[in-house]
Amino acid sequence: MIKTTIDLDEDMIKRARSIFSGKTKKEIISIALSELVERYEQKDLYDLFDGDEQFISDDYDYKAMRGGVPNDFS
């Protein structure tokens, strides 16, 4: 952990505190940094497929992959 002094937009902090039910400024900033990094990493993964690739083929059968699911529950 490092300590630093930064200027924050108080209105944005108030909005974040209302969304995250009163978390501290430190917690809010940690959440924001985590979200930023996760979104950036997801974007990089999406870019690997050039945004055009189909992730799941049309003939993919998730039920078969799970070992089958009964058609009725009786």
PDB file of N, CA and C in Angstrom:
ATOM      1  N   MET A   1       0.841  -1.184   0.000  1.00  0.00           N
ATOM      2  CA  MET A   1       0.000   0.000   0.000  1.00  0.00           C
ATOM      3  C   MET A   1       0.883   1.243   0.000  1.00  0.00           C
ATOM      4  N   ILE A   2       0.401   2.244  -0.709  1.00  0.00           N
ATOM      5  CA  ILE A   2       1.094   3.525  -0.700  1.00  0.00           C
ATOM      6  C   ILE A   2       0.106   4.598  -0.264  1.00  0.00           C
ATOM      7  N   LYS A   3       0.636   5.634   0.329  1.00  0.00           N
ATOM      8  CA  LYS A   3      -0.198   6.775   0.694  1.00  0.00           C
ATOM      9  C   LYS A   3       0.042   7.865  -0.321  1.00  0.00           C
ATOM     10  N   THR A   4      -1.043   8.527  -0.689  1.00  0.00           N
ATOM     11  CA  THR A   4      -0.933   9.617  -1.639  1.00  0.00           C
ATOM     12  C   THR A   4      -2.038  10.621  -1.373  1.00  0.00           C
ATOM     13  N   THR A   5      -1.844  11.824  -1.838  1.00  0.00           N
ATOM     14  CA  THR A   5      -2.858  12.869  -1.716  1.00  0.00           C
ATOM     15  C   THR A   5      -3.351  13.194  -3.116  1.00  0.00           C
ATOM     16  N   ILE A   6      -4.680  13.133  -3.293  1.00  0.00           N
ATOM     17  CA  ILE A   6      -5.256  13.438  -4.596  1.00  0.00           C
ATOM     18  C   ILE A   6      -6.490  14.308  -4.418  1.00  0.00           C
ATOM     19  N   ASP A   7      -6.811  15.062  -5.451  1.00  0.00           N
ATOM     20  CA  ASP A   7      -8.048  15.839  -5.469  1.00  0.00           C
ATOM     21  C   ASP A   7      -9.131  14.978  -6.090  1.00  0.00           C
ATOM     22  N   LEU A   8     -10.255  14.871  -5.390  1.00  0.00           N
ATOM     23  CA  LEU A   8     -11.359  14.052  -5.869  1.00  0.00           C
ATOM     24  C   LEU A   8     -12.585  14.920  -6.106  1.00  0.00           C
ATOM     25  N   ASP A   9     -13.385  14.510  -7.057  1.00  0.00           N
ATOM     26  CA  ASP A   9     -14.661  15.164  -7.335  1.00  0.00           C
ATOM     27  C   ASP A   9     -15.636  14.740  -6.235  1.00  0.00           C
ATOM     28  N   GLU A  10     -15.977  15.661  -5.337  1.00  0.00           N
ATOM     29  CA  GLU A  10     -16.827  15.344  -4.196  1.00  0.00           C
ATOM     30  C   GLU A  10     -18.197  14.828  -4.622  1.00  0.00           C
ATOM     31  N   ASP A  11     -18.755  15.380  -5.693  1.00  0.00           N
ATOM     32  CA  ASP A  11     -20.054  14.899  -6.170  1.00  0.00           C
ATOM     33  C   ASP A  11     -19.964  13.439  -6.606  1.00  0.00           C
ATOM     34  N   MET A  12     -18.881  13.088  -7.263  1.00  0.00           N
ATOM     35  CA  MET A  12     -18.699  11.703  -7.714  1.00  0.00           C
ATOM     36  C   MET A  12     -18.518  10.782  -6.507  1.00  0.00           C
ATOM     37  N   ILE A  13     -17.803  11.242  -5.509  1.00  0.00           N
ATOM     38  CA  ILE A  13     -17.624  10.448  -4.287  1.00  0.00           C
ATOM     39  C   ILE A  13     -18.977  10.241  -3.595  1.00  0.00           C
ATOM     40  N   LYS A  14     -19.795  11.274  -3.530  1.00  0.00           N
ATOM     41  CA  LYS A  14     -21.126  11.155  -2.918  1.00  0.00           C
ATOM     42  C   LYS A  14     -21.985  10.149  -3.679  1.00  0.00           C
ATOM     43  N   ARG A  15     -21.938  10.212  -4.996  1.00  0.00           N
ATOM     44  CA  ARG A  15     -22.701   9.266  -5.821  1.00  0.00           C
ATOM     45  C   ARG A  15     -22.223   7.832  -5.567  1.00  0.00           C
ATOM     46  N   ALA A  16     -20.919   7.651  -5.533  1.00  0.00           N
ATOM     47  CA  ALA A  16     -20.355   6.321  -5.300  1.00  0.00           C
ATOM     48  C   ALA A  16     -20.725   5.812  -3.907  1.00  0.00           C
ATOM     49  N   ARG A  17     -20.694   6.684  -2.916  1.00  0.00           N
ATOM     50  CA  ARG A  17     -21.037   6.264  -1.553  1.00  0.00           C
ATOM     51  C   ARG A  17     -22.498   5.863  -1.457  1.00  0.00           C
ATOM     52  N   SER A  18     -23.360   6.508  -2.231  1.00  0.00           N
ATOM     53  CA  SER A  18     -24.769   6.123  -2.195  1.00  0.00           C
ATOM     54  C   SER A  18     -24.976   4.774  -2.890  1.00  0.00           C
ATOM     55  N   ILE A  19     -24.209   4.520  -3.942  1.00  0.00           N
ATOM     56  CA  ILE A  19     -24.313   3.242  -4.653  1.00  0.00           C
ATOM     57  C   ILE A  19     -23.752   2.106  -3.803  1.00  0.00           C
ATOM     58  N   PHE A  20     -22.616   2.343  -3.174  1.00  0.00           N
ATOM     59  CA  PHE A  20     -21.935   1.303  -2.408  1.00  0.00           C
ATOM     60  C   PHE A  20     -22.210   1.406  -0.912  1.00  0.00           C
ATOM     61  N   SER A  21     -23.345   1.948  -0.579  1.00  0.00           N
ATOM     62  CA  SER A  21     -23.856   2.034   0.797  1.00  0.00           C
ATOM     63  C   SER A  21     -22.830   2.477   1.837  1.00  0.00           C
ATOM     64  N   GLY A  22     -22.340   3.683   1.650  1.00  0.00           N
ATOM     65  CA  GLY A  22     -21.538   4.331   2.677  1.00  0.00           C
ATOM     66  C   GLY A  22     -20.116   3.853   2.853  1.00  0.00           C
ATOM     67  N   LYS A  23     -19.555   3.206   1.866  1.00  0.00           N
ATOM     68  CA  LYS A  23     -18.156   2.773   1.965  1.00  0.00           C
ATOM     69  C   LYS A  23     -17.255   4.001   2.120  1.00  0.00           C
ATOM     70  N   THR A  24     -16.072   3.776   2.641  1.00  0.00           N
ATOM     71  CA  THR A  24     -15.124   4.872   2.815  1.00  0.00           C
ATOM     72  C   THR A  24     -14.557   5.301   1.462  1.00  0.00           C
ATOM     73  N   LYS A  25     -13.945   6.468   1.431  1.00  0.00           N
ATOM     74  CA  LYS A  25     -13.323   6.938   0.186  1.00  0.00           C
ATOM     75  C   LYS A  25     -12.255   5.959  -0.274  1.00  0.00           C
ATOM     76  N   LYS A  26     -11.497   5.432   0.664  1.00  0.00           N
ATOM     77  CA  LYS A  26     -10.447   4.469   0.328  1.00  0.00           C
ATOM     78  C   LYS A  26     -11.051   3.226  -0.332  1.00  0.00           C
ATOM     79  N   GLU A  27     -12.140   2.706   0.232  1.00  0.00           N
ATOM     80  CA  GLU A  27     -12.788   1.527  -0.340  1.00  0.00           C
ATOM     81  C   GLU A  27     -13.347   1.821  -1.729  1.00  0.00           C
ATOM     82  N   ILE A  28     -13.937   3.004  -1.889  1.00  0.00           N
ATOM     83  CA  ILE A  28     -14.509   3.386  -3.180  1.00  0.00           C
ATOM     84  C   ILE A  28     -13.421   3.479  -4.249  1.00  0.00           C
ATOM     85  N   ILE A  29     -12.304   4.063  -3.909  1.00  0.00           N
ATOM     86  CA  ILE A  29     -11.204   4.183  -4.877  1.00  0.00           C
ATOM     87  C   ILE A  29     -10.652   2.802  -5.224  1.00  0.00           C
ATOM     88  N   SER A  30     -10.548   1.911  -4.246  1.00  0.00           N
ATOM     89  CA  SER A  30     -10.080   0.548  -4.507  1.00  0.00           C
ATOM     90  C   SER A  30     -11.042  -0.181  -5.437  1.00  0.00           C
ATOM     91  N   ILE A  31     -12.345  -0.022  -5.197  1.00  0.00           N
ATOM     92  CA  ILE A  31     -13.353  -0.636  -6.070  1.00  0.00           C
ATOM     93  C   ILE A  31     -13.222  -0.089  -7.484  1.00  0.00           C
ATOM     94  N   ALA A  32     -13.087   1.225  -7.591  1.00  0.00           N
ATOM     95  CA  ALA A  32     -12.990   1.863  -8.910  1.00  0.00           C
ATOM     96  C   ALA A  32     -11.757   1.379  -9.671  1.00  0.00           C
ATOM     97  N   LEU A  33     -10.626   1.266  -8.999  1.00  0.00           N
ATOM     98  CA  LEU A  33      -9.407   0.791  -9.664  1.00  0.00           C
ATOM     99  C   LEU A  33      -9.558  -0.663 -10.113  1.00  0.00           C
ATOM    100  N   SER A  34     -10.154  -1.486  -9.272  1.00  0.00           N
ATOM    101  CA  SER A  34     -10.379  -2.882  -9.634  1.00  0.00           C
ATOM    102  C   SER A  34     -11.278  -2.993 -10.853  1.00  0.00           C
ATOM    103  N   GLU A  35     -12.365  -2.234 -10.865  1.00  0.00           N
ATOM    104  CA  GLU A  35     -13.296  -2.246 -12.000  1.00  0.00           C
ATOM    105  C   GLU A  35     -12.604  -1.777 -13.280  1.00  0.00           C
ATOM    106  N   LEU A  36     -11.798  -0.741 -13.165  1.00  0.00           N
ATOM    107  CA  LEU A  36     -11.086  -0.216 -14.323  1.00  0.00           C
ATOM    108  C   LEU A  36     -10.163  -1.264 -14.921  1.00  0.00           C
ATOM    109  N   VAL A  37      -9.381  -1.925 -14.084  1.00  0.00           N
ATOM    110  CA  VAL A  37      -8.445  -2.943 -14.557  1.00  0.00           C
ATOM    111  C   VAL A  37      -9.196  -4.124 -15.167  1.00  0.00           C
ATOM    112  N   GLU A  38     -10.268  -4.588 -14.508  1.00  0.00           N
ATOM    113  CA  GLU A  38     -11.039  -5.713 -15.033  1.00  0.00           C
ATOM    114  C   GLU A  38     -11.640  -5.386 -16.398  1.00  0.00           C
ATOM    115  N   ARG A  39     -12.191  -4.201 -16.554  1.00  0.00           N
ATOM    116  CA  ARG A  39     -12.783  -3.817 -17.838  1.00  0.00           C
ATOM    117  C   ARG A  39     -11.722  -3.735 -18.928  1.00  0.00           C
ATOM    118  N   TYR A  40     -10.561  -3.208 -18.594  1.00  0.00           N
ATOM    119  CA  TYR A  40      -9.482  -3.104 -19.571  1.00  0.00           C
ATOM    120  C   TYR A  40      -9.028  -4.492 -20.005  1.00  0.00           C
ATOM    121  N   GLU A  41      -8.891  -5.414 -19.042  1.00  0.00           N
ATOM    122  CA  GLU A  41      -8.471  -6.765 -19.368  1.00  0.00           C
ATOM    123  C   GLU A  41      -9.527  -7.487 -20.201  1.00  0.00           C
ATOM    124  N   GLN A  42     -10.803  -7.258 -19.925  1.00  0.00           N
ATOM    125  CA  GLN A  42     -11.866  -7.857 -20.724  1.00  0.00           C
ATOM    126  C   GLN A  42     -11.821  -7.322 -22.145  1.00  0.00           C
ATOM    127  N   LYS A  43     -11.553  -6.036 -22.292  1.00  0.00           N
ATOM    128  CA  LYS A  43     -11.448  -5.430 -23.619  1.00  0.00           C
ATOM    129  C   LYS A  43     -10.318  -6.082 -24.397  1.00  0.00           C
ATOM    130  N   ASP A  44      -9.182  -6.315 -23.746  1.00  0.00           N
ATOM    131  CA  ASP A  44      -8.057  -6.969 -24.413  1.00  0.00           C
ATOM    132  C   ASP A  44      -8.428  -8.364 -24.887  1.00  0.00           C
ATOM    133  N   LEU A  45      -9.164  -9.108 -24.074  1.00  0.00           N
ATOM    134  CA  LEU A  45      -9.596 -10.443 -24.465  1.00  0.00           C
ATOM    135  C   LEU A  45     -10.522 -10.366 -25.668  1.00  0.00           C
ATOM    136  N   TYR A  46     -11.443  -9.427 -25.655  1.00  0.00           N
ATOM    137  CA  TYR A  46     -12.367  -9.243 -26.773  1.00  0.00           C
ATOM    138  C   TYR A  46     -11.601  -8.884 -28.045  1.00  0.00           C
ATOM    139  N   ASP A  47     -10.573  -8.046 -27.906  1.00  0.00           N
ATOM    140  CA  ASP A  47      -9.780  -7.640 -29.068  1.00  0.00           C
ATOM    141  C   ASP A  47      -9.016  -8.808 -29.692  1.00  0.00           C
ATOM    142  N   LEU A  48      -8.713  -9.846 -28.903  1.00  0.00           N
ATOM    143  CA  LEU A  48      -8.042 -11.019 -29.459  1.00  0.00           C
ATOM    144  C   LEU A  48      -8.869 -11.644 -30.575  1.00  0.00           C
ATOM    145  N   PHE A  49     -10.179 -11.514 -30.457  1.00  0.00           N
ATOM    146  CA  PHE A  49     -11.082 -12.081 -31.447  1.00  0.00           C
ATOM    147  C   PHE A  49     -11.517 -11.042 -32.481  1.00  0.00           C
ATOM    148  N   ASP A  50     -10.910  -9.890 -32.473  1.00  0.00           N
ATOM    149  CA  ASP A  50     -11.200  -8.801 -33.402  1.00  0.00           C
ATOM    150  C   ASP A  50     -12.660  -8.357 -33.356  1.00  0.00           C
ATOM    151  N   GLY A  51     -13.369  -8.758 -32.322  1.00  0.00           N
ATOM    152  CA  GLY A  51     -14.755  -8.359 -32.178  1.00  0.00           C
ATOM    153  C   GLY A  51     -15.687  -9.017 -33.184  1.00  0.00           C
ATOM    154  N   ASP A  52     -15.154  -9.836 -34.099  1.00  0.00           N
ATOM    155  CA  ASP A  52     -15.970 -10.439 -35.149  1.00  0.00           C
ATOM    156  C   ASP A  52     -16.204 -11.924 -34.940  1.00  0.00           C
ATOM    157  N   GLU A  53     -15.347 -12.559 -34.168  1.00  0.00           N
ATOM    158  CA  GLU A  53     -15.425 -14.003 -33.996  1.00  0.00           C
ATOM    159  C   GLU A  53     -16.644 -14.391 -33.176  1.00  0.00           C
ATOM    160  N   GLN A  54     -17.190 -15.522 -33.494  1.00  0.00           N
ATOM    161  CA  GLN A  54     -18.288 -16.071 -32.722  1.00  0.00           C
ATOM    162  C   GLN A  54     -17.673 -16.942 -31.635  1.00  0.00           C
ATOM    163  N   PHE A  55     -17.949 -16.632 -30.383  1.00  0.00           N
ATOM    164  CA  PHE A  55     -17.333 -17.343 -29.271  1.00  0.00           C
ATOM    165  C   PHE A  55     -17.853 -18.772 -29.139  1.00  0.00           C
ATOM    166  N   ILE A  56     -19.120 -18.997 -29.416  1.00  0.00           N
ATOM    167  CA  ILE A  56     -19.722 -20.312 -29.261  1.00  0.00           C
ATOM    168  C   ILE A  56     -20.293 -20.730 -30.604  1.00  0.00           C
ATOM    169  N   SER A  57     -19.930 -21.931 -31.043  1.00  0.00           N
ATOM    170  CA  SER A  57     -20.417 -22.391 -32.342  1.00  0.00           C
ATOM    171  C   SER A  57     -21.915 -22.664 -32.281  1.00  0.00           C
ATOM    172  N   ASP A  58     -22.551 -22.644 -33.437  1.00  0.00           N
ATOM    173  CA  ASP A  58     -24.000 -22.845 -33.521  1.00  0.00           C
ATOM    174  C   ASP A  58     -24.420 -24.228 -33.044  1.00  0.00           C
ATOM    175  N   ASP A  59     -23.532 -25.228 -33.174  1.00  0.00           N
ATOM    176  CA  ASP A  59     -23.912 -26.584 -32.799  1.00  0.00           C
ATOM    177  C   ASP A  59     -23.468 -26.963 -31.387  1.00  0.00           C
ATOM    178  N   TYR A  60     -23.053 -26.011 -30.574  1.00  0.00           N
ATOM    179  CA  TYR A  60     -22.634 -26.270 -29.199  1.00  0.00           C
ATOM    180  C   TYR A  60     -23.838 -26.683 -28.360  1.00  0.00           C
ATOM    181  N   ASP A  61     -23.724 -27.815 -27.657  1.00  0.00           N
ATOM    182  CA  ASP A  61     -24.814 -28.337 -26.830  1.00  0.00           C
ATOM    183  C   ASP A  61     -24.353 -28.358 -25.372  1.00  0.00           C
ATOM    184  N   TYR A  62     -24.707 -27.334 -24.617  1.00  0.00           N
ATOM    185  CA  TYR A  62     -24.259 -27.242 -23.236  1.00  0.00           C
ATOM    186  C   TYR A  62     -24.823 -28.376 -22.374  1.00  0.00           C
ATOM    187  N   LYS A  63     -26.009 -28.863 -22.701  1.00  0.00           N
ATOM    188  CA  LYS A  63     -26.593 -29.963 -21.919  1.00  0.00           C
ATOM    189  C   LYS A  63     -25.758 -31.236 -22.084  1.00  0.00           C
ATOM    190  N   ALA A  64     -25.309 -31.495 -23.294  1.00  0.00           N
ATOM    191  CA  ALA A  64     -24.471 -32.667 -23.538  1.00  0.00           C
ATOM    192  C   ALA A  64     -23.141 -32.537 -22.799  1.00  0.00           C
ATOM    193  N   MET A  65     -22.599 -31.338 -22.754  1.00  0.00           N
ATOM    194  CA  MET A  65     -21.329 -31.104 -22.058  1.00  0.00           C
ATOM    195  C   MET A  65     -21.468 -31.325 -20.555  1.00  0.00           C
ATOM    196  N   ARG A  66     -22.648 -31.115 -20.024  1.00  0.00           N
ATOM    197  CA  ARG A  66     -22.899 -31.306 -18.591  1.00  0.00           C
ATOM    198  C   ARG A  66     -23.254 -32.758 -18.268  1.00  0.00           C
ATOM    199  N   GLY A  67     -23.294 -33.595 -19.268  1.00  0.00           N
ATOM    200  CA  GLY A  67     -23.642 -34.982 -19.034  1.00  0.00           C
ATOM    201  C   GLY A  67     -25.118 -35.263 -19.210  1.00  0.00           C
ATOM    202  N   GLY A  68     -25.811 -34.331 -19.798  1.00  0.00           N
ATOM    203  CA  GLY A  68     -27.238 -34.516 -20.068  1.00  0.00           C
ATOM    204  C   GLY A  68     -28.122 -34.011 -18.955  1.00  0.00           C
ATOM    205  N   VAL A  69     -29.225 -33.475 -19.331  1.00  0.00           N
ATOM    206  CA  VAL A  69     -30.230 -32.975 -18.392  1.00  0.00           C
ATOM    207  C   VAL A  69     -31.544 -33.629 -18.772  1.00  0.00           C
ATOM    208  N   PRO A  70     -32.243 -34.256 -17.818  1.00  0.00           N
ATOM    209  CA  PRO A  70     -33.519 -34.897 -18.166  1.00  0.00           C
ATOM    210  C   PRO A  70     -34.500 -33.918 -18.763  1.00  0.00           C
ATOM    211  N   ASN A  71     -35.316 -34.416 -19.696  1.00  0.00           N
ATOM    212  CA  ASN A  71     -36.313 -33.558 -20.351  1.00  0.00           C
ATOM    213  C   ASN A  71     -37.469 -33.233 -19.444  1.00  0.00           C
ATOM    214  N   ASP A  72     -37.800 -34.141 -18.517  1.00  0.00           N
ATOM    215  CA  ASP A  72     -38.878 -33.833 -17.579  1.00  0.00           C
ATOM    216  C   ASP A  72     -38.400 -34.178 -16.175  1.00  0.00           C
ATOM    217  N   PHE A  73     -39.033 -33.593 -15.212  1.00  0.00           N
ATOM    218  CA  PHE A  73     -38.602 -33.750 -13.824  1.00  0.00           C
ATOM    219  C   PHE A  73     -39.550 -34.640 -13.036  1.00  0.00           C
ATOM    220  N   SER A  74     -40.365 -35.449 -13.709  1.00  0.00           N
ATOM    221  CA  SER A  74     -41.316 -36.306 -12.994  1.00  0.00           C
ATOM    222  C   SER A  74     -40.697 -37.620 -12.583  1.00  0.00           C
TER     223      SER A  74
END
